[in-house]
Amino acid sequence: MGSGSVTDWQGKHVTVAGLGVSGVPAAKVLHGLGAKVTVVNDGDDERARAQAAGLTALGITVRLGDGATLPAGTELIVTAPGWQPGKPLFTAAAQAGVPVWGDVELAWRLRGRDGKKAAPWLAVTGTNGKTTTVQMLASILRAAGLRTAAVGNIGVSLLDAVLAPEPYDVLAVELSSYQLHWAPSLRAHSAAVLNLAPDHLDWHGSMAAYAHDKGRIYEGNRVACVYNMADKATEDLVREADVEEGCRAIGFTLGAPGPSQLGVVDGLLVDRAFVENRHDSAQELAEVSDVRPPAPHNIANALAAAALARAYGVPATAVRDGLRAFTPDAHRIAHVADVDGVAYIDDSKATNTHAAEASLAAYEPIVWIAGGLAKGATFDELVARSAGRLRGAVLIGADRALIREALARHAPEVPLVDLDRTDTGAMLQAVTEAKRLARPGDTVLLAPACASMDMFTNYNQRGDAFAAAVRELGAGA
């Protein structure tokens, strides 16, 4: 396929794999460019039929219940990011010599179409913290007076952003490992990998393959590859990347920074990377108290966002003002209430062990509410590292036995309540039991280390249930 101008797409036979938040916009955009679009989808449920009806009304062919067969004449597949590489559709495409792009690749190819300004991408990936970092970055860029948006895996279509009638100055782009796998041409202005821990291994097949796809974000970077000095795997990805001449490796650390690093000194976020004399001087960017909440992993997120913004030339004052203006999303280490001297914290977004460990590291002592769907995870390392912070634990959900067994091995002295329930009402009982275990000055922390779908629609509903239970507890108190 060509570079993405209107004439390149006229009459091209494109198959879009998957409906949903990426497939429907992709199909509409391609149809609008003159391509002959066929959408294939594995599911044939009520939601899929409703989406199909809207596309069919535009003249787009939709084939429900059969995502395995390559439509005749297909010249390109544009896939939803979650479709696994081993699916029969892609095997057939490889045999036929048909390229496969994701929606991110399509957006990258379409940027700057019709002579419009192509906004540079400041890209972020990692196992945890991506959304918060991208939102912080967008807030900093806005504070610098730039027209920007937080887009990508955050739930805002990149296609909409690159095709917006009024061009953006720069985009803050969150990218998942799935999206990066299907985006071979992406070349960001600057990019950051926040951290790496086992996740989505059922999709990628191995930790090495997962890390490789994450590392794609550095390929072709022009100005800065930002990495986490506390996570050597992220620096290794920088070393392996093929970048443009002059692109720099920029580390961030919760300690004092060296040259070409951002870090923390005496309660200040400081920059020793984007200053005139980085060997002998540093630039104050913000106070730690400007980061909300000032948990260690959230300060790391702020430093990564600041590094990308500084790579783009944003002044130090905009970093401070942007961090002060930033309001984190719900269910991310959110303080719900204090009841009888005990703080109740909702981190329902901590859906894997890496995120839960970061959350547990932010408080002490803790009554920990955990459990749900483990997604193949193991919990020994998490429990061993966090045992000294635990006052007690309350376990819920389908795979709670895995956490119970890890606690028995590594923290047998920690009082434990194992709730043999998976109904949504279990959360009120869990919070009540946590209150019984907690003492004044403690933190009751919902950091499940598991997905929520065994009991709840999503992590938002789980966090809402926790907050409602805490409010009920507070009213009773």
Protein backbone atom coordinates (compact mmCIF):
# COMPACT_ATOMS: atom_id res chain seq x y z
CA MET A 1 0.00 0.00 0.00
CA GLY A 2 1.11 3.55 -0.61
CA SER A 3 1.80 6.44 1.67
CA GLY A 4 -1.83 7.06 2.53
CA SER A 5 -3.09 9.83 0.25
CA VAL A 6 -6.66 9.68 -1.03
CA THR A 7 -5.63 8.34 -4.45
CA ASP A 8 -3.68 5.51 -2.84
CA TRP A 9 -6.86 4.12 -1.26
CA GLN A 10 -9.32 4.54 -4.12
CA GLY A 11 -10.72 1.11 -5.00
CA LYS A 12 -8.31 -0.81 -2.74
CA HIS A 13 -9.78 -3.96 -1.19
CA VAL A 14 -9.22 -3.67 2.57
CA THR A 15 -10.39 -6.14 5.19
CA VAL A 16 -10.92 -4.77 8.69
CA ALA A 17 -10.57 -7.49 11.34
CA GLY A 18 -12.81 -6.87 14.32
CA LEU A 19 -15.51 -4.40 15.24
CA GLY A 20 -15.37 -2.40 18.46
CA VAL A 21 -13.55 0.79 19.40
CA SER A 22 -10.86 0.46 16.74
CA GLY A 23 -12.50 -1.53 13.95
CA VAL A 24 -15.57 0.63 13.42
CA PRO A 25 -13.61 3.94 13.09
CA ALA A 26 -11.05 2.25 10.80
CA ALA A 27 -13.77 0.90 8.54
CA LYS A 28 -15.46 4.28 8.31
CA VAL A 29 -12.22 6.13 7.57
CA LEU A 30 -11.15 3.67 4.89
CA HIS A 31 -14.58 3.74 3.29
CA GLY A 32 -14.44 7.52 3.27
CA LEU A 33 -11.08 7.35 1.47
CA GLY A 34 -12.62 5.31 -1.32
CA ALA A 35 -11.48 1.82 -0.30
CA LYS A 36 -13.69 -1.23 -0.77
CA VAL A 37 -14.04 -2.34 2.83
CA THR A 38 -15.08 -5.71 4.23
CA VAL A 39 -15.32 -6.11 8.00
CA VAL A 40 -14.95 -9.59 9.50
CA ASN A 41 -15.78 -10.34 13.12
CA ASP A 42 -15.66 -13.53 15.20
CA GLY A 43 -18.68 -12.60 17.30
CA ASP A 44 -22.31 -12.36 16.26
CA ASP A 45 -23.93 -10.93 19.36
CA GLU A 46 -26.40 -8.10 19.77
CA ARG A 47 -23.72 -5.42 20.05
CA ALA A 48 -21.90 -6.67 16.97
CA ARG A 49 -25.12 -6.75 14.97
CA ALA A 50 -25.88 -3.16 15.97
CA GLN A 51 -22.42 -2.01 14.91
CA ALA A 52 -22.71 -3.99 11.68
CA ALA A 53 -26.04 -2.36 10.86
CA GLY A 54 -24.48 1.09 11.12
CA LEU A 55 -21.62 0.14 8.80
CA THR A 56 -23.87 -1.65 6.32
CA ALA A 57 -25.98 1.50 6.02
CA LEU A 58 -22.83 3.26 4.76
CA GLY A 59 -22.28 0.61 2.11
CA ILE A 60 -19.61 -1.36 3.99
CA THR A 61 -19.73 -5.16 3.79
CA VAL A 62 -19.80 -6.83 7.22
CA ARG A 63 -19.35 -10.57 7.83
CA LEU A 64 -20.27 -11.65 11.36
CA GLY A 65 -19.38 -14.94 12.99
CA ASP A 66 -16.50 -15.69 10.63
CA GLY A 67 -13.22 -13.94 11.32
CA ALA A 68 -11.10 -16.79 10.01
CA THR A 69 -11.54 -16.66 6.24
CA LEU A 70 -9.62 -14.14 4.13
CA PRO A 71 -12.09 -12.33 1.83
CA ALA A 72 -11.29 -12.73 -1.86
CA GLY A 73 -9.26 -9.88 -3.35
CA THR A 74 -7.98 -8.54 -0.01
CA GLU A 75 -4.94 -6.30 -0.51
CA LEU A 76 -4.52 -5.18 3.13
CA ILE A 77 -5.82 -6.21 6.55
CA VAL A 78 -6.33 -3.58 9.25
CA THR A 79 -6.78 -5.43 12.53
CA ALA A 80 -8.09 -4.62 15.96
CA PRO A 81 -5.05 -4.72 18.28
CA GLY A 82 -6.32 -7.60 20.41
CA TRP A 83 -6.45 -10.13 17.55
CA GLN A 84 -3.62 -12.60 18.13
CA PRO A 85 -0.97 -13.08 15.44
CA GLY A 86 -1.64 -16.81 15.20
CA LYS A 87 -5.26 -16.46 14.07
CA PRO A 88 -6.13 -18.32 10.85
CA LEU A 89 -6.97 -15.04 9.09
CA PHE A 90 -3.39 -13.86 9.48
CA THR A 91 -1.96 -17.21 8.48
CA ALA A 92 -3.97 -16.99 5.28
CA ALA A 93 -2.82 -13.39 4.79
CA ALA A 94 0.85 -14.39 5.16
CA GLN A 95 0.42 -17.17 2.62
CA ALA A 96 -1.20 -14.72 0.19
CA GLY A 97 1.39 -11.98 0.77
CA VAL A 98 -1.19 -9.61 2.25
CA PRO A 99 0.20 -7.09 4.80
CA VAL A 100 -1.42 -6.68 8.22
CA TRP A 101 -1.60 -3.30 9.96
CA GLY A 102 -3.15 -2.25 13.23
CA ASP A 103 -5.24 0.89 13.61
CA VAL A 104 -2.15 2.66 14.99
CA GLU A 105 -0.21 1.83 11.83
CA LEU A 106 -3.10 3.12 9.74
CA ALA A 107 -3.18 6.35 11.74
CA TRP A 108 0.59 6.73 11.34
CA ARG A 109 0.28 6.31 7.56
CA LEU A 110 -2.57 8.82 7.34
CA ARG A 111 -1.00 11.61 9.39
CA GLY A 112 -0.29 14.76 7.38
CA ARG A 113 -2.76 13.72 4.66
CA ASP A 114 -3.87 16.40 2.20
CA GLY A 115 -0.91 18.60 3.08
CA LYS A 116 -1.97 19.09 6.71
CA LYS A 117 0.65 19.42 9.40
CA ALA A 118 1.65 16.02 10.79
CA ALA A 119 1.78 16.34 14.58
CA PRO A 120 4.80 14.62 16.20
CA TRP A 121 4.00 11.72 18.53
CA LEU A 122 5.33 11.52 22.09
CA ALA A 123 4.67 7.85 22.84
CA VAL A 124 4.37 5.91 26.10
CA THR A 125 4.17 2.20 26.84
CA GLY A 126 4.91 -0.09 29.79
CA THR A 127 3.19 -2.75 31.83
CA ASN A 128 1.68 -0.21 34.23
CA GLY A 129 1.22 3.55 34.48
CA LYS A 130 0.71 4.28 30.76
CA THR A 131 -2.62 6.08 31.00
CA THR A 132 -1.63 8.25 33.95
CA THR A 133 1.68 9.20 32.31
CA VAL A 134 0.04 10.10 29.01
CA GLN A 135 -2.56 12.21 30.79
CA MET A 136 0.15 13.98 32.78
CA LEU A 137 2.08 14.58 29.56
CA ALA A 138 -0.94 16.06 27.81
CA SER A 139 -1.56 18.34 30.81
CA ILE A 140 2.05 19.56 30.70
CA LEU A 141 1.88 20.17 26.95
CA ARG A 142 -1.36 22.15 27.35
CA ALA A 143 0.27 24.20 30.11
CA ALA A 144 2.92 25.11 27.54
CA GLY A 145 0.20 26.49 25.27
CA LEU A 146 0.27 23.60 22.81
CA ARG A 147 -2.78 22.11 21.12
CA THR A 148 -2.61 18.44 22.10
CA ALA A 149 -4.62 15.38 23.08
CA ALA A 150 -4.06 12.16 25.01
CA VAL A 151 -4.89 9.43 22.49
CA GLY A 152 -4.40 5.77 21.60
CA ASN A 153 -4.82 2.92 24.08
CA ILE A 154 -6.27 5.44 26.51
CA GLY A 155 -9.58 4.99 24.65
CA VAL A 156 -9.41 7.98 22.29
CA SER A 157 -9.04 7.14 18.60
CA LEU A 158 -5.72 8.01 17.02
CA LEU A 159 -7.48 8.06 13.66
CA ASP A 160 -9.76 10.84 14.86
CA ALA A 161 -6.74 12.78 16.10
CA VAL A 162 -4.65 12.54 12.91
CA LEU A 163 -7.66 13.38 10.73
CA ALA A 164 -8.96 16.23 12.90
CA PRO A 165 -9.97 19.32 10.86
CA GLU A 166 -7.74 21.51 13.03
CA PRO A 167 -4.29 19.91 13.30
CA TYR A 168 -2.69 19.29 16.67
CA ASP A 169 0.74 20.63 17.56
CA VAL A 170 1.81 17.37 19.20
CA LEU A 171 0.10 14.18 20.40
CA ALA A 172 0.54 12.29 23.69
CA VAL A 173 0.10 8.68 22.61
CA GLU A 174 -0.48 5.64 24.84
CA LEU A 175 0.43 2.38 23.09
CA SER A 176 -0.15 -1.18 24.25
CA SER A 177 2.04 -4.13 23.34
CA TYR A 178 -0.76 -5.32 21.03
CA GLN A 179 -0.82 -2.03 19.17
CA LEU A 180 2.95 -1.92 18.86
CA HIS A 181 3.03 -5.44 17.44
CA TRP A 182 0.87 -4.30 14.52
CA ALA A 183 2.63 -0.92 13.93
CA PRO A 184 5.87 -1.65 12.04
CA SER A 185 6.31 1.83 10.53
CA LEU A 186 5.78 3.91 13.68
CA ARG A 187 8.60 6.40 14.32
CA ALA A 188 7.97 8.63 17.32
CA HIS A 189 9.59 11.98 18.09
CA SER A 190 10.41 10.57 21.55
CA ALA A 191 9.13 7.59 23.53
CA ALA A 192 9.17 6.06 27.00
CA VAL A 193 8.93 2.50 28.32
CA LEU A 194 7.87 2.92 31.95
CA ASN A 195 8.44 -0.63 33.21
CA LEU A 196 8.33 -4.27 32.14
CA ALA A 197 6.75 -7.17 33.99
CA PRO A 198 5.07 -10.36 32.80
CA ASP A 199 1.66 -9.56 31.30
CA HIS A 200 -0.41 -10.72 28.32
CA LEU A 201 1.93 -13.68 27.89
CA ASP A 202 -0.97 -15.77 26.59
CA TRP A 203 -1.15 -13.33 23.65
CA HIS A 204 2.57 -12.86 23.00
CA GLY A 205 3.66 -16.39 23.78
CA SER A 206 6.69 -15.45 25.93
CA MET A 207 8.19 -12.66 28.01
CA ALA A 208 10.83 -12.14 25.33
CA ALA A 209 8.18 -11.60 22.65
CA TYR A 210 6.23 -9.25 24.94
CA ALA A 211 9.35 -7.18 25.65
CA HIS A 212 10.26 -7.13 21.96
CA ASP A 213 6.89 -5.66 21.05
CA LYS A 214 7.17 -3.07 23.82
CA GLY A 215 10.62 -2.13 22.52
CA ARG A 216 9.23 -1.32 19.08
CA ILE A 217 8.21 2.04 20.52
CA TYR A 218 11.87 3.17 20.45
CA GLU A 219 12.49 2.29 16.80
CA GLY A 220 13.37 5.38 14.78
CA ASN A 221 13.04 7.81 17.69
CA ARG A 222 14.40 11.22 16.74
CA VAL A 223 15.13 13.02 20.01
CA ALA A 224 14.85 10.89 23.18
CA CYS A 225 14.38 7.31 24.36
CA VAL A 226 13.18 7.59 27.96
CA TYR A 227 13.77 4.60 30.25
CA ASN A 228 13.32 3.65 33.90
CA MET A 229 16.63 3.39 35.76
CA ALA A 230 14.99 1.08 38.32
CA ASP A 231 14.04 -1.38 35.57
CA LYS A 232 17.08 -2.54 33.63
CA ALA A 233 14.92 -4.24 31.01
CA THR A 234 13.73 -0.84 29.78
CA GLU A 235 17.33 0.36 29.34
CA ASP A 236 18.16 -2.86 27.49
CA LEU A 237 15.39 -2.07 25.01
CA VAL A 238 16.96 1.35 24.38
CA ARG A 239 20.32 -0.25 23.70
CA GLU A 240 18.73 -2.62 21.19
CA ALA A 241 16.76 0.06 19.34
CA ASP A 242 17.70 1.46 15.95
CA VAL A 243 17.22 5.20 16.41
CA GLU A 244 18.02 8.29 14.39
CA GLU A 245 21.45 9.86 14.69
CA GLY A 246 21.61 12.15 17.72
CA CYS A 247 18.73 10.54 19.61
CA ARG A 248 19.58 10.38 23.33
CA ALA A 249 18.92 7.86 26.09
CA ILE A 250 17.26 9.66 29.02
CA GLY A 251 16.81 7.92 32.36
CA PHE A 252 14.40 8.74 35.16
CA THR A 253 14.93 7.79 38.79
CA LEU A 254 13.38 8.37 42.20
CA GLY A 255 16.88 9.14 43.45
CA ALA A 256 19.26 11.97 42.65
CA PRO A 257 19.80 12.16 38.88
CA GLY A 258 23.09 12.06 37.08
CA PRO A 259 23.76 13.70 33.70
CA SER A 260 21.11 12.88 31.06
CA GLN A 261 18.64 11.92 33.78
CA LEU A 262 15.61 13.28 35.61
CA GLY A 263 15.16 12.53 39.29
CA VAL A 264 14.30 13.73 42.78
CA VAL A 265 16.41 15.89 45.10
CA ASP A 266 15.17 17.27 48.44
CA GLY A 267 11.51 16.98 47.52
CA LEU A 268 11.99 18.45 44.04
CA LEU A 269 11.67 16.95 40.57
CA VAL A 270 14.83 18.03 38.74
CA ASP A 271 16.18 17.79 35.21
CA ARG A 272 19.82 17.09 34.39
CA ALA A 273 19.09 16.04 30.81
CA PHE A 274 17.64 19.03 29.00
CA VAL A 275 19.79 21.78 30.48
CA GLU A 276 22.66 23.66 28.90
CA ASN A 277 25.34 22.10 31.11
CA ARG A 278 23.96 18.78 32.34
CA HIS A 279 27.26 17.76 33.94
CA ASP A 280 27.35 20.67 36.38
CA SER A 281 23.80 22.01 36.67
CA ALA A 282 20.17 20.98 37.10
CA GLN A 283 16.79 22.58 36.48
CA GLU A 284 14.03 22.46 39.08
CA LEU A 285 10.82 21.30 37.42
CA ALA A 286 8.28 20.89 40.23
CA GLU A 287 7.84 19.86 43.83
CA VAL A 288 7.00 16.28 44.72
CA SER A 289 3.85 17.66 46.33
CA ASP A 290 2.74 18.87 42.87
CA VAL A 291 2.26 15.20 41.91
CA ARG A 292 -1.09 13.81 43.00
CA PRO A 293 -1.08 11.37 44.63
CA PRO A 294 2.64 11.48 45.52
CA ALA A 295 3.07 7.70 45.69
CA PRO A 296 6.48 6.51 44.45
CA HIS A 297 5.25 4.93 41.23
CA ASN A 298 3.19 8.03 40.45
CA ILE A 299 6.26 10.25 40.91
CA ALA A 300 8.02 7.97 38.43
CA ASN A 301 5.13 8.50 36.01
CA ALA A 302 5.49 12.27 36.43
CA LEU A 303 9.23 12.12 35.73
CA ALA A 304 8.65 10.11 32.54
CA ALA A 305 6.01 12.59 31.39
CA ALA A 306 8.32 15.49 32.20
CA ALA A 307 11.17 13.88 30.26
CA LEU A 308 9.05 13.53 27.13
CA ALA A 309 7.75 17.07 27.44
CA ARG A 310 11.26 18.45 27.94
CA ALA A 311 12.44 16.45 24.92
CA TYR A 312 9.84 18.37 22.95
CA GLY A 313 11.21 21.67 24.26
CA VAL A 314 8.61 22.49 26.92
CA PRO A 315 9.78 24.99 29.58
CA ALA A 316 10.21 23.93 33.20
CA THR A 317 7.32 26.11 34.38
CA ALA A 318 4.92 24.18 32.14
CA VAL A 319 5.95 20.91 33.82
CA ARG A 320 5.06 22.36 37.21
CA ASP A 321 1.80 23.93 36.01
CA GLY A 322 0.77 20.82 34.09
CA LEU A 323 1.33 18.51 37.04
CA ARG A 324 -0.59 20.83 39.33
CA ALA A 325 -3.50 20.91 36.86
CA PHE A 326 -3.60 17.14 36.41
CA THR A 327 -6.40 15.17 38.05
CA PRO A 328 -5.90 11.38 38.06
CA ASP A 329 -8.63 9.05 36.84
CA ALA A 330 -10.81 7.22 39.32
CA HIS A 331 -9.64 3.94 40.89
CA ARG A 332 -5.93 4.78 40.69
CA ILE A 333 -4.66 4.97 44.30
CA ALA A 334 -7.65 7.21 45.06
CA HIS A 335 -8.29 8.22 48.67
CA VAL A 336 -11.93 7.36 49.39
CA ALA A 337 -12.30 8.34 53.06
CA ASP A 338 -10.87 8.17 56.57
CA VAL A 339 -12.99 6.15 58.98
CA ASP A 340 -11.99 5.90 62.66
CA GLY A 341 -8.42 6.95 61.86
CA VAL A 342 -8.01 4.42 59.02
CA ALA A 343 -7.46 5.56 55.43
CA TYR A 344 -9.31 3.68 52.67
CA ILE A 345 -7.56 3.67 49.29
CA ASP A 346 -9.07 2.47 46.00
CA ASP A 347 -6.54 1.12 43.51
CA SER A 348 -8.90 -1.19 41.67
CA LYS A 349 -6.88 -0.44 38.53
CA ALA A 350 -4.06 -2.56 40.00
CA THR A 351 -5.11 -5.57 37.92
CA ASN A 352 -1.73 -7.36 37.89
CA THR A 353 1.01 -8.13 40.39
CA HIS A 354 3.37 -5.41 39.16
CA ALA A 355 0.76 -2.69 39.69
CA ALA A 356 -0.25 -4.10 43.06
CA GLU A 357 3.35 -4.17 44.28
CA ALA A 358 3.77 -0.49 43.37
CA SER A 359 0.57 0.33 45.24
CA LEU A 360 1.55 -1.66 48.31
CA ALA A 361 4.93 0.11 48.37
CA ALA A 362 3.17 3.45 48.83
CA TYR A 363 1.64 2.71 52.27
CA GLU A 364 2.41 1.09 55.63
CA PRO A 365 0.92 -0.67 57.55
CA ILE A 366 -1.76 -2.09 55.24
CA VAL A 367 -4.84 -4.24 55.40
CA TRP A 368 -4.84 -5.57 51.86
CA ILE A 369 -7.99 -6.46 49.92
CA ALA A 370 -6.99 -8.63 46.97
CA GLY A 371 -8.17 -11.29 44.55
CA GLY A 372 -10.12 -11.85 41.35
CA LEU A 373 -9.03 -13.45 38.10
CA ALA A 374 -5.29 -14.17 38.17
CA LYS A 375 -4.84 -14.43 34.37
CA GLY A 376 -2.10 -17.01 34.89
CA ALA A 377 -0.15 -14.87 37.37
CA THR A 378 1.75 -16.15 40.40
CA PHE A 379 1.93 -14.22 43.66
CA ASP A 380 4.96 -15.46 45.60
CA GLU A 381 7.26 -12.62 44.59
CA LEU A 382 4.60 -9.97 45.26
CA VAL A 383 3.80 -11.32 48.72
CA ALA A 384 7.45 -11.90 49.67
CA ARG A 385 8.35 -8.30 48.84
CA SER A 386 5.30 -6.78 50.54
CA ALA A 387 4.88 -9.02 53.60
CA GLY A 388 6.53 -6.58 55.99
CA ARG A 389 3.92 -3.94 55.22
CA LEU A 390 0.86 -6.09 55.88
CA ARG A 391 -1.31 -5.78 58.98
CA GLY A 392 -3.78 -8.23 57.48
CA ALA A 393 -5.36 -9.44 54.26
CA VAL A 394 -8.89 -10.00 53.02
CA LEU A 395 -9.22 -12.18 49.91
CA ILE A 396 -12.09 -12.23 47.43
CA GLY A 397 -12.69 -13.62 43.95
CA ALA A 398 -12.28 -16.77 41.93
CA ASP A 399 -8.49 -17.15 42.21
CA ARG A 400 -8.02 -15.98 45.80
CA ALA A 401 -6.57 -19.40 46.75
CA LEU A 402 -3.41 -18.55 44.80
CA ILE A 403 -2.84 -15.46 46.95
CA ARG A 404 -3.80 -17.34 50.12
CA GLU A 405 -1.18 -19.99 49.37
CA ALA A 406 1.49 -17.34 48.70
CA LEU A 407 0.63 -15.65 52.00
CA ALA A 408 0.92 -18.99 53.80
CA ARG A 409 4.40 -19.49 52.34
CA HIS A 410 5.81 -15.98 52.75
CA ALA A 411 3.69 -14.21 55.42
CA PRO A 412 2.16 -16.90 57.65
CA GLU A 413 1.91 -14.49 60.58
CA VAL A 414 -0.36 -12.07 58.72
CA PRO A 415 -4.03 -12.41 59.81
CA LEU A 416 -6.13 -13.55 56.87
CA VAL A 417 -9.83 -13.52 55.99
CA ASP A 418 -10.77 -15.71 53.01
CA LEU A 419 -14.25 -14.82 51.72
CA ASP A 420 -15.79 -17.73 49.83
CA ARG A 421 -17.99 -15.45 47.73
CA THR A 422 -17.88 -14.11 44.19
CA ASP A 423 -21.06 -12.04 44.23
CA THR A 424 -20.80 -8.24 44.12
CA GLY A 425 -22.09 -7.99 47.68
CA ALA A 426 -18.87 -9.58 48.87
CA MET A 427 -17.17 -6.18 48.73
CA LEU A 428 -19.15 -4.81 51.69
CA GLN A 429 -18.19 -7.86 53.73
CA ALA A 430 -14.56 -7.49 52.62
CA VAL A 431 -14.45 -3.86 53.74
CA THR A 432 -16.15 -4.73 57.04
CA GLU A 433 -13.56 -7.46 57.71
CA ALA A 434 -10.74 -5.08 56.76
CA LYS A 435 -12.06 -2.53 59.25
CA ARG A 436 -11.96 -5.21 61.97
CA LEU A 437 -8.30 -5.96 61.21
CA ALA A 438 -7.16 -2.34 60.88
CA ARG A 439 -5.88 -0.04 63.61
CA PRO A 440 -5.81 3.77 63.66
CA GLY A 441 -3.07 4.99 61.34
CA ASP A 442 -3.38 1.97 59.03
CA THR A 443 -4.44 1.94 55.38
CA VAL A 444 -7.07 -0.38 53.96
CA LEU A 445 -5.93 -0.82 50.38
CA LEU A 446 -7.90 -2.32 47.52
CA ALA A 447 -5.08 -3.41 45.18
CA PRO A 448 -6.45 -6.70 43.83
CA ALA A 449 -3.47 -7.83 41.67
CA CYS A 450 -6.13 -9.54 39.56
CA ALA A 451 -8.69 -8.78 36.89
CA SER A 452 -12.26 -8.12 37.98
CA MET A 453 -14.49 -10.00 35.55
CA ASP A 454 -15.21 -12.92 37.88
CA MET A 455 -17.33 -10.61 40.05
CA PHE A 456 -17.66 -7.28 38.26
CA THR A 457 -18.09 -5.87 34.77
CA ASN A 458 -14.70 -4.16 35.00
CA TYR A 459 -12.26 -2.62 37.47
CA ASN A 460 -14.34 0.59 37.56
CA GLN A 461 -17.37 -1.25 38.94
CA ARG A 462 -15.15 -3.04 41.44
CA GLY A 463 -13.72 0.28 42.64
CA ASP A 464 -17.18 1.82 42.82
CA ALA A 465 -18.33 -1.11 44.98
CA PHE A 466 -15.37 -0.57 47.30
CA ALA A 467 -16.07 3.16 47.60
CA ALA A 468 -19.78 2.52 48.27
CA ALA A 469 -18.90 0.00 50.97
CA VAL A 470 -16.51 2.46 52.62
CA ARG A 471 -19.17 5.18 52.58
CA GLU A 472 -21.66 2.77 54.15
CA LEU A 473 -19.08 1.88 56.76
CA GLY A 474 -18.45 5.57 57.45
CA ALA A 475 -22.17 6.28 57.81
CA GLY A 476 -22.44 3.47 60.34
CA ALA A 477 -19.45 4.78 62.25
